């Protein structure tokens, strides 16, 4: 989304946008995401990156490698693994649901 509640989706507004989403339950957020995904429409404009954007794209690989080697990544990865273990049986059950929107 380019806007949420009349607030532009740009880095300067991420803190507000994140806190706004915290007020929804998981189910409400999931419903919103499914609806938003179903409503994606092309703009009809081709993306032509500026030189600085191209440089940022090229540097993204090095940034990703650096992050994957960081202590912060290990902390996040361990946290995610713990969360997945807690709901592993629910994930297995969900894998057999034909409707991917559920």
N, C-alpha and C. Protein backbone atom coordinates (compact mmCIF):
# COMPACT_ATOMS: atom_id res chain seq x y z
N UNK A 1 0.84 -1.18 0.00
CA UNK A 1 0.00 0.00 0.00
C UNK A 1 0.88 1.24 0.00
N UNK A 2 0.46 2.20 -0.74
CA UNK A 2 1.20 3.45 -0.78
C UNK A 2 0.79 4.37 0.37
N UNK A 3 -0.41 4.15 0.92
CA UNK A 3 -0.91 4.93 2.04
C UNK A 3 -1.71 4.05 2.98
N UNK A 4 -1.72 4.40 4.25
CA UNK A 4 -2.55 3.72 5.23
C UNK A 4 -3.12 4.81 6.14
N UNK A 5 -4.43 4.90 6.18
CA UNK A 5 -5.11 5.92 6.97
C UNK A 5 -4.56 7.30 6.67
N UNK A 6 -4.42 7.61 5.39
CA UNK A 6 -3.93 8.91 4.90
C UNK A 6 -2.48 9.20 5.30
N UNK A 7 -1.71 8.18 5.69
CA UNK A 7 -0.30 8.35 6.02
C UNK A 7 0.51 7.63 4.95
N UNK A 8 1.42 8.36 4.32
CA UNK A 8 2.23 7.80 3.24
C UNK A 8 3.15 6.71 3.77
N UNK A 9 3.28 5.63 3.00
CA UNK A 9 4.11 4.49 3.37
C UNK A 9 5.56 4.77 2.97
N UNK A 10 6.23 5.57 3.81
CA UNK A 10 7.64 5.92 3.59
C UNK A 10 8.39 5.73 4.92
N UNK A 11 9.71 5.57 4.86
CA UNK A 11 10.46 5.28 6.09
C UNK A 11 10.20 6.25 7.25
N UNK A 12 10.00 7.51 6.94
CA UNK A 12 9.76 8.49 8.01
C UNK A 12 8.50 8.17 8.81
N UNK A 13 7.57 7.42 8.21
CA UNK A 13 6.30 7.11 8.87
C UNK A 13 6.22 5.67 9.36
N UNK A 14 7.28 4.89 9.22
CA UNK A 14 7.22 3.47 9.58
C UNK A 14 6.85 3.24 11.04
N UNK A 15 7.37 4.07 11.95
CA UNK A 15 7.07 3.86 13.36
C UNK A 15 5.56 4.01 13.61
N UNK A 16 4.96 5.05 13.06
CA UNK A 16 3.52 5.23 13.21
C UNK A 16 2.75 4.08 12.56
N UNK A 17 3.15 3.72 11.34
CA UNK A 17 2.45 2.65 10.62
C UNK A 17 2.56 1.33 11.37
N UNK A 18 3.74 1.03 11.89
CA UNK A 18 3.92 -0.22 12.64
C UNK A 18 3.04 -0.23 13.87
N UNK A 19 3.04 0.87 14.62
CA UNK A 19 2.23 0.91 15.84
C UNK A 19 0.75 0.84 15.50
N UNK A 20 0.34 1.36 14.36
CA UNK A 20 -1.06 1.26 13.94
C UNK A 20 -1.47 -0.19 13.71
N UNK A 21 -0.57 -0.97 13.14
CA UNK A 21 -0.87 -2.38 12.87
C UNK A 21 -0.86 -3.21 14.14
N UNK A 22 -0.14 -2.77 15.17
CA UNK A 22 -0.11 -3.49 16.43
C UNK A 22 -1.48 -3.51 17.11
N UNK A 23 -2.34 -2.55 16.76
CA UNK A 23 -3.66 -2.46 17.39
C UNK A 23 -4.64 -3.50 16.85
N UNK A 24 -4.27 -4.18 15.77
CA UNK A 24 -5.12 -5.21 15.19
C UNK A 24 -4.71 -6.58 15.75
N UNK A 25 -5.66 -7.49 15.83
CA UNK A 25 -5.33 -8.86 16.19
C UNK A 25 -4.66 -9.53 15.01
N UNK A 26 -4.05 -10.69 15.24
CA UNK A 26 -3.43 -11.44 14.14
C UNK A 26 -4.45 -11.73 13.05
N UNK A 27 -5.65 -12.18 13.45
CA UNK A 27 -6.68 -12.53 12.48
C UNK A 27 -7.10 -11.31 11.66
N UNK A 28 -7.25 -10.16 12.33
CA UNK A 28 -7.63 -8.94 11.60
C UNK A 28 -6.53 -8.53 10.62
N UNK A 29 -5.27 -8.62 11.05
CA UNK A 29 -4.17 -8.30 10.14
C UNK A 29 -4.13 -9.27 8.97
N UNK A 30 -4.36 -10.54 9.23
CA UNK A 30 -4.35 -11.53 8.16
C UNK A 30 -5.47 -11.23 7.16
N UNK A 31 -6.67 -10.94 7.66
CA UNK A 31 -7.79 -10.60 6.76
C UNK A 31 -7.45 -9.37 5.91
N UNK A 32 -6.84 -8.37 6.53
CA UNK A 32 -6.48 -7.15 5.80
C UNK A 32 -5.44 -7.45 4.74
N UNK A 33 -4.45 -8.29 5.08
CA UNK A 33 -3.41 -8.63 4.11
C UNK A 33 -3.95 -9.40 2.92
N UNK A 34 -4.84 -10.34 3.20
CA UNK A 34 -5.45 -11.13 2.12
C UNK A 34 -6.25 -10.21 1.21
N UNK A 35 -7.04 -9.34 1.81
CA UNK A 35 -7.85 -8.42 1.00
C UNK A 35 -6.97 -7.49 0.18
N UNK A 36 -5.93 -6.94 0.80
CA UNK A 36 -5.03 -6.04 0.08
C UNK A 36 -4.32 -6.77 -1.06
N UNK A 37 -3.92 -8.00 -0.81
CA UNK A 37 -3.24 -8.79 -1.84
C UNK A 37 -4.18 -9.05 -3.02
N UNK A 38 -5.42 -9.37 -2.71
CA UNK A 38 -6.40 -9.62 -3.77
C UNK A 38 -6.71 -8.37 -4.59
N UNK A 39 -6.48 -7.20 -4.01
CA UNK A 39 -6.80 -5.94 -4.69
C UNK A 39 -5.61 -5.29 -5.37
N UNK A 40 -4.49 -6.00 -5.45
CA UNK A 40 -3.31 -5.44 -6.11
C UNK A 40 -3.61 -5.25 -7.59
N UNK A 41 -3.32 -4.05 -8.08
CA UNK A 41 -3.54 -3.74 -9.50
C UNK A 41 -2.31 -3.02 -10.03
N UNK A 42 -1.93 -3.30 -11.26
CA UNK A 42 -0.76 -2.64 -11.83
C UNK A 42 -1.02 -1.15 -12.02
N UNK A 43 0.03 -0.34 -11.94
CA UNK A 43 -0.11 1.10 -12.12
C UNK A 43 -0.05 1.49 -13.59
N UNK A 44 0.48 0.60 -14.41
CA UNK A 44 0.62 0.91 -15.83
C UNK A 44 1.91 1.65 -16.13
N UNK A 45 2.70 1.93 -15.08
CA UNK A 45 3.97 2.63 -15.27
C UNK A 45 5.12 1.67 -15.01
N UNK A 46 6.06 1.69 -15.90
CA UNK A 46 7.24 0.85 -15.75
C UNK A 46 8.21 1.52 -14.76
N UNK A 47 8.80 0.71 -13.89
CA UNK A 47 9.76 1.23 -12.92
C UNK A 47 11.09 1.45 -13.60
N UNK A 48 11.54 2.69 -13.60
CA UNK A 48 12.85 3.03 -14.15
C UNK A 48 13.64 3.66 -13.01
N UNK A 49 14.55 2.88 -12.40
CA UNK A 49 15.27 3.39 -11.23
C UNK A 49 16.25 4.50 -11.59
N UNK A 50 16.37 5.44 -10.65
CA UNK A 50 17.39 6.49 -10.78
C UNK A 50 18.75 5.86 -10.49
N UNK A 51 19.80 6.60 -10.76
CA UNK A 51 21.16 6.07 -10.56
C UNK A 51 21.37 5.66 -9.09
N UNK A 52 20.90 6.48 -8.16
CA UNK A 52 21.07 6.15 -6.74
C UNK A 52 20.28 4.90 -6.36
N UNK A 53 19.13 4.71 -6.98
CA UNK A 53 18.33 3.50 -6.73
C UNK A 53 19.03 2.27 -7.29
N UNK A 54 19.61 2.40 -8.46
CA UNK A 54 20.37 1.28 -9.04
C UNK A 54 21.53 0.90 -8.14
N UNK A 55 22.23 1.90 -7.62
CA UNK A 55 23.36 1.64 -6.71
C UNK A 55 22.86 0.94 -5.45
N UNK A 56 21.75 1.38 -4.92
CA UNK A 56 21.18 0.75 -3.72
C UNK A 56 20.81 -0.71 -4.01
N UNK A 57 20.26 -0.97 -5.17
CA UNK A 57 19.89 -2.34 -5.56
C UNK A 57 21.15 -3.21 -5.66
N UNK A 58 22.19 -2.68 -6.30
CA UNK A 58 23.44 -3.45 -6.45
C UNK A 58 24.09 -3.74 -5.09
N UNK A 59 24.03 -2.78 -4.18
CA UNK A 59 24.64 -2.96 -2.86
C UNK A 59 23.81 -3.85 -1.93
N UNK A 60 22.59 -4.14 -2.33
CA UNK A 60 21.70 -4.92 -1.46
C UNK A 60 22.25 -6.32 -1.18
N UNK A 61 22.96 -6.90 -2.11
CA UNK A 61 23.51 -8.24 -1.91
C UNK A 61 24.55 -8.21 -0.79
N UNK A 62 25.44 -7.22 -0.82
CA UNK A 62 26.45 -7.12 0.24
C UNK A 62 25.79 -6.83 1.59
N UNK A 63 24.74 -6.00 1.60
CA UNK A 63 24.04 -5.72 2.86
C UNK A 63 23.39 -6.98 3.40
N UNK A 64 22.80 -7.77 2.52
CA UNK A 64 22.15 -9.02 2.95
C UNK A 64 23.18 -9.99 3.52
N UNK A 65 24.30 -10.13 2.85
CA UNK A 65 25.37 -11.03 3.34
C UNK A 65 25.86 -10.55 4.70
N UNK A 66 26.06 -9.26 4.84
CA UNK A 66 26.53 -8.71 6.11
C UNK A 66 25.52 -9.00 7.23
N UNK A 67 24.24 -8.82 6.93
CA UNK A 67 23.22 -9.08 7.94
C UNK A 67 23.19 -10.56 8.32
N UNK A 68 23.28 -11.44 7.34
CA UNK A 68 23.24 -12.87 7.63
C UNK A 68 24.42 -13.33 8.49
N UNK A 69 25.48 -12.56 8.50
CA UNK A 69 26.65 -12.88 9.32
C UNK A 69 26.63 -12.18 10.68
N UNK A 70 25.59 -11.39 10.94
CA UNK A 70 25.56 -10.57 12.15
C UNK A 70 24.94 -11.30 13.35
N UNK A 71 25.24 -10.78 14.52
CA UNK A 71 24.65 -11.31 15.75
C UNK A 71 23.14 -11.05 15.77
N UNK A 72 22.71 -9.91 15.21
CA UNK A 72 21.29 -9.58 15.16
C UNK A 72 20.51 -10.64 14.38
N UNK A 73 21.10 -11.11 13.29
CA UNK A 73 20.44 -12.16 12.52
C UNK A 73 20.27 -13.42 13.36
N UNK A 74 21.31 -13.80 14.08
CA UNK A 74 21.25 -15.01 14.91
C UNK A 74 20.14 -14.88 15.96
N UNK A 75 20.02 -13.70 16.56
CA UNK A 75 18.96 -13.47 17.55
C UNK A 75 17.59 -13.62 16.91
N UNK A 76 17.39 -12.99 15.76
CA UNK A 76 16.10 -13.07 15.07
C UNK A 76 15.80 -14.49 14.60
N UNK A 77 16.81 -15.16 14.09
CA UNK A 77 16.63 -16.53 13.60
C UNK A 77 16.25 -17.47 14.73
N UNK A 78 16.93 -17.34 15.86
CA UNK A 78 16.59 -18.18 17.02
C UNK A 78 15.17 -17.90 17.49
N UNK A 79 14.79 -16.64 17.53
CA UNK A 79 13.43 -16.27 17.94
C UNK A 79 12.39 -16.87 17.00
N UNK A 80 12.63 -16.75 15.71
CA UNK A 80 11.70 -17.31 14.73
C UNK A 80 11.60 -18.82 14.87
N UNK A 81 12.73 -19.48 15.02
CA UNK A 81 12.71 -20.94 15.19
C UNK A 81 11.92 -21.34 16.43
N UNK A 82 12.08 -20.60 17.52
CA UNK A 82 11.32 -20.89 18.74
C UNK A 82 9.83 -20.72 18.50
N UNK A 83 9.46 -19.65 17.82
CA UNK A 83 8.03 -19.40 17.55
C UNK A 83 7.43 -20.48 16.65
N UNK A 84 8.19 -20.90 15.65
CA UNK A 84 7.70 -21.95 14.74
C UNK A 84 7.54 -23.27 15.49
N UNK A 85 8.49 -23.60 16.35
CA UNK A 85 8.37 -24.84 17.13
C UNK A 85 7.10 -24.84 17.98
N UNK A 86 6.74 -23.67 18.52
CA UNK A 86 5.56 -23.57 19.37
C UNK A 86 4.26 -23.87 18.62
N UNK A 87 4.23 -23.61 17.33
CA UNK A 87 3.00 -23.80 16.55
C UNK A 87 3.20 -24.80 15.41
N UNK A 88 4.17 -25.66 15.54
CA UNK A 88 4.49 -26.60 14.46
C UNK A 88 3.30 -27.47 14.08
N UNK A 89 2.53 -27.94 15.05
CA UNK A 89 1.38 -28.80 14.70
C UNK A 89 0.32 -28.00 13.95
N UNK A 90 0.09 -26.74 14.32
CA UNK A 90 -0.88 -25.91 13.60
C UNK A 90 -0.42 -25.64 12.17
N UNK A 91 0.89 -25.44 11.99
CA UNK A 91 1.43 -25.23 10.64
C UNK A 91 1.21 -26.47 9.79
N UNK A 92 1.42 -27.64 10.37
CA UNK A 92 1.21 -28.89 9.64
C UNK A 92 -0.24 -29.03 9.23
N UNK A 93 -1.15 -28.73 10.13
CA UNK A 93 -2.58 -28.80 9.80
C UNK A 93 -2.91 -27.81 8.69
N UNK A 94 -2.39 -26.59 8.80
CA UNK A 94 -2.68 -25.56 7.80
C UNK A 94 -2.17 -25.95 6.42
N UNK A 95 -1.13 -26.74 6.36
CA UNK A 95 -0.58 -27.17 5.08
C UNK A 95 -1.56 -28.01 4.28
N UNK A 96 -2.54 -28.60 4.95
CA UNK A 96 -3.50 -29.46 4.25
C UNK A 96 -4.78 -28.71 3.87
N UNK A 97 -4.86 -27.42 4.18
CA UNK A 97 -6.04 -26.63 3.83
C UNK A 97 -5.90 -26.18 2.38
N UNK A 98 -6.92 -26.49 1.56
CA UNK A 98 -6.86 -26.16 0.14
C UNK A 98 -6.94 -24.66 -0.12
N UNK A 99 -7.73 -23.94 0.67
CA UNK A 99 -7.91 -22.51 0.46
C UNK A 99 -6.75 -21.77 1.10
N UNK A 100 -5.84 -21.22 0.29
CA UNK A 100 -4.65 -20.57 0.81
C UNK A 100 -4.95 -19.27 1.54
N UNK A 101 -6.17 -18.76 1.41
CA UNK A 101 -6.55 -17.52 2.09
C UNK A 101 -6.94 -17.75 3.54
N UNK A 102 -7.06 -19.00 3.95
CA UNK A 102 -7.44 -19.28 5.34
C UNK A 102 -6.22 -19.39 6.22
